[in-house]
Structures are given as structure tokens and as C-alpha cells.
C-alpha atoms as a PDB file:
ATOM      1  CA  MET A   1      11.388 -13.069   6.028  1.00  0.00           C
ATOM      2  CA  PRO A   2       7.606 -12.913   6.403  1.00  0.00           C
ATOM      3  CA  PHE A   3       5.565  -9.771   5.925  1.00  0.00           C
ATOM      4  CA  VAL A   4       4.329  -9.371   9.522  1.00  0.00           C
ATOM      5  CA  GLY A   5       3.848  -6.571  12.038  1.00  0.00           C
ATOM      6  CA  GLN A   6       3.460  -3.655   9.640  1.00  0.00           C
ATOM      7  CA  HIS A   7       2.471  -0.266  10.977  1.00  0.00           C
ATOM      8  CA  SER A   8       2.948   3.464  10.461  1.00  0.00           C
ATOM      9  CA  ALA A   9       1.770   3.270   6.847  1.00  0.00           C
ATOM     10  CA  ARG A  10       1.969   6.653   5.094  1.00  0.00           C
ATOM     11  CA  ALA A  11       0.899   7.676   1.622  1.00  0.00           C
ATOM     12  CA  TYR A  12       3.821   9.804   0.424  1.00  0.00           C
ATOM     13  CA  ALA A  13       2.661  10.326  -3.175  1.00  0.00           C
ATOM     14  CA  PRO A  14      -0.330   9.305  -5.289  1.00  0.00           C
ATOM     15  CA  GLY A  15      -0.135   5.532  -5.697  1.00  0.00           C
ATOM     16  CA  ALA A  16       2.741   5.178  -3.246  1.00  0.00           C
ATOM     17  CA  VAL A  17       2.977   4.089   0.388  1.00  0.00           C
ATOM     18  CA  MET A  18       5.750   3.669   2.946  1.00  0.00           C
ATOM     19  CA  LEU A  19       5.485   1.534   6.105  1.00  0.00           C
ATOM     20  CA  LEU A  20       7.449   0.008   8.952  1.00  0.00           C
ATOM     21  CA  ASP A  21       7.724  -3.793   8.927  1.00  0.00           C
ATOM     22  CA  ASN A  22       8.799  -5.697  12.057  1.00  0.00           C
ATOM     23  CA  LEU A  23       9.546  -8.851  10.023  1.00  0.00           C
ATOM     24  CA  GLY A  24       7.572 -11.101  12.337  1.00  0.00           C
ATOM     25  CA  ASP A  25      10.570 -11.690  14.606  1.00  0.00           C
ATOM     26  CA  SER A  26      12.615  -9.816  17.199  1.00  0.00           C
ATOM     27  CA  SER A  27      15.867  -9.506  15.216  1.00  0.00           C
ATOM     28  CA  ALA A  28      15.212  -6.369  13.126  1.00  0.00           C
ATOM     29  CA  SER A  29      12.728  -3.855  11.753  1.00  0.00           C
ATOM     30  CA  ARG A  30      12.813  -2.190   8.329  1.00  0.00           C
ATOM     31  CA  ALA A  31      11.029   0.457   6.325  1.00  0.00           C
ATOM     32  CA  LYS A  32       9.569  -0.365   2.917  1.00  0.00           C
ATOM     33  CA  ARG A  33       8.294   1.720   0.001  1.00  0.00           C
ATOM     34  CA  TYR A  34       5.654   0.352  -2.342  1.00  0.00           C
ATOM     35  CA  GLU A  35       4.060   1.552  -5.571  1.00  0.00           C
ATOM     36  CA  ILE A  36       0.349   0.737  -5.574  1.00  0.00           C
ATOM     37  CA  ASP A  37      -1.553  -0.096  -8.770  1.00  0.00           C
ATOM     38  CA  GLU A  38      -5.204   0.192  -7.756  1.00  0.00           C
ATOM     39  CA  ARG A  39      -6.483  -0.898 -11.165  1.00  0.00           C
ATOM     40  CA  ARG A  40      -4.542  -4.179 -11.060  1.00  0.00           C
ATOM     41  CA  MET A  41      -4.835  -4.478  -7.246  1.00  0.00           C
ATOM     42  CA  THR A  42      -1.063  -4.967  -6.885  1.00  0.00           C
ATOM     43  CA  ALA A  43       1.802  -3.508  -4.869  1.00  0.00           C
ATOM     44  CA  ARG A  44       5.443  -3.478  -5.985  1.00  0.00           C
ATOM     45  CA  LEU A  45       8.315  -3.111  -3.508  1.00  0.00           C
ATOM     46  CA  VAL A  46      10.374  -0.094  -4.597  1.00  0.00           C
ATOM     47  CA  ARG A  47      12.901   0.101  -1.761  1.00  0.00           C
ATOM     48  CA  SER A  48      13.657  -1.417   1.627  1.00  0.00           C
ATOM     49  CA  TYR A  49      15.609   0.374   4.369  1.00  0.00           C
ATOM     50  CA  VAL A  50      17.489  -1.505   7.099  1.00  0.00           C
ATOM     51  CA  SER A  51      19.924  -0.323   9.738  1.00  0.00           C
ATOM     52  CA  ASP A  52      23.353  -1.657  10.577  1.00  0.00           C
ATOM     53  CA  PRO A  53      23.474  -2.763  13.331  1.00  0.00           C
ATOM     54  CA  ALA A  54      19.903  -4.026  13.274  1.00  0.00           C
ATOM     55  CA  ALA A  55      17.291  -2.029  15.197  1.00  0.00           C
ATOM     56  CA  VAL A  56      14.051  -3.416  16.580  1.00  0.00           C
ATOM     57  CA  THR A  57      10.808  -1.533  17.286  1.00  0.00           C
ATOM     58  CA  GLU A  58       9.028  -3.751  19.762  1.00  0.00           C
ATOM     59  CA  THR A  59       6.203  -1.268  20.339  1.00  0.00           C
ATOM     60  CA  GLY A  60       5.317   1.696  18.182  1.00  0.00           C
ATOM     61  CA  GLY A  61       7.912   2.981  15.778  1.00  0.00           C
ATOM     62  CA  SER A  62       7.434   4.886  12.558  1.00  0.00           C
ATOM     63  CA  VAL A  63       9.035   5.956   9.310  1.00  0.00           C
ATOM     64  CA  GLN A  64       9.153   9.448   7.809  1.00  0.00           C
ATOM     65  CA  ASP A  65      10.722  11.212   4.828  1.00  0.00           C
ATOM     66  CA  LEU A  66      13.039  14.092   5.732  1.00  0.00           C
ATOM     67  CA  PRO A  67      14.333  17.001   3.670  1.00  0.00           C
ATOM     68  CA  GLY A  68      17.280  16.243   1.406  1.00  0.00           C
ATOM     69  CA  GLY A  69      16.045  12.778   0.394  1.00  0.00           C
ATOM     70  CA  LYS A  70      16.749  11.185   3.788  1.00  0.00           C
ATOM     71  CA  THR A  71      14.394   8.746   5.539  1.00  0.00           C
ATOM     72  CA  LEU A  72      14.005   8.438   9.320  1.00  0.00           C
ATOM     73  CA  VAL A  73      13.191   4.932  10.561  1.00  0.00           C
END
């Protein structure tokens, strides 16, 4: 799937970001966590969250860490 329609980017730790990705189509949305290496100008995908059944955020939408290690998409 393409990397398209990202929004709600949040820095959750130094050198780390989480965002919502709409995948560039209308079938599903997902949250992604990345580690950012500013010196090398790279980003590494750490984790991707999807729902079952698939959920779509056609407008807006966000992602947020919750207490207890849970993530709200």
C-alpha cells in the first residue's frame, strides 16, 4: 500500500513519531510508529496498528497513546 494521506502526527518521545495513515484508498486506515534518525535523515517503521474489521477515517481522525500501553486509533 502507498504512504498517502498521513495526518495527526505526534512526537511521543525524542526521535519518535506516531501518525495516522489513510493508505491512499478508501478500504482502511492505520496508525504507524516511526523512529527518526535526524543525523542520517531516515525513519524506521517500528509498529503498525490496524483494526479488524477495517476502519476508515475519511475526514479527520487521529491516534493517541493511552495509559496501560494501549493506543487509540
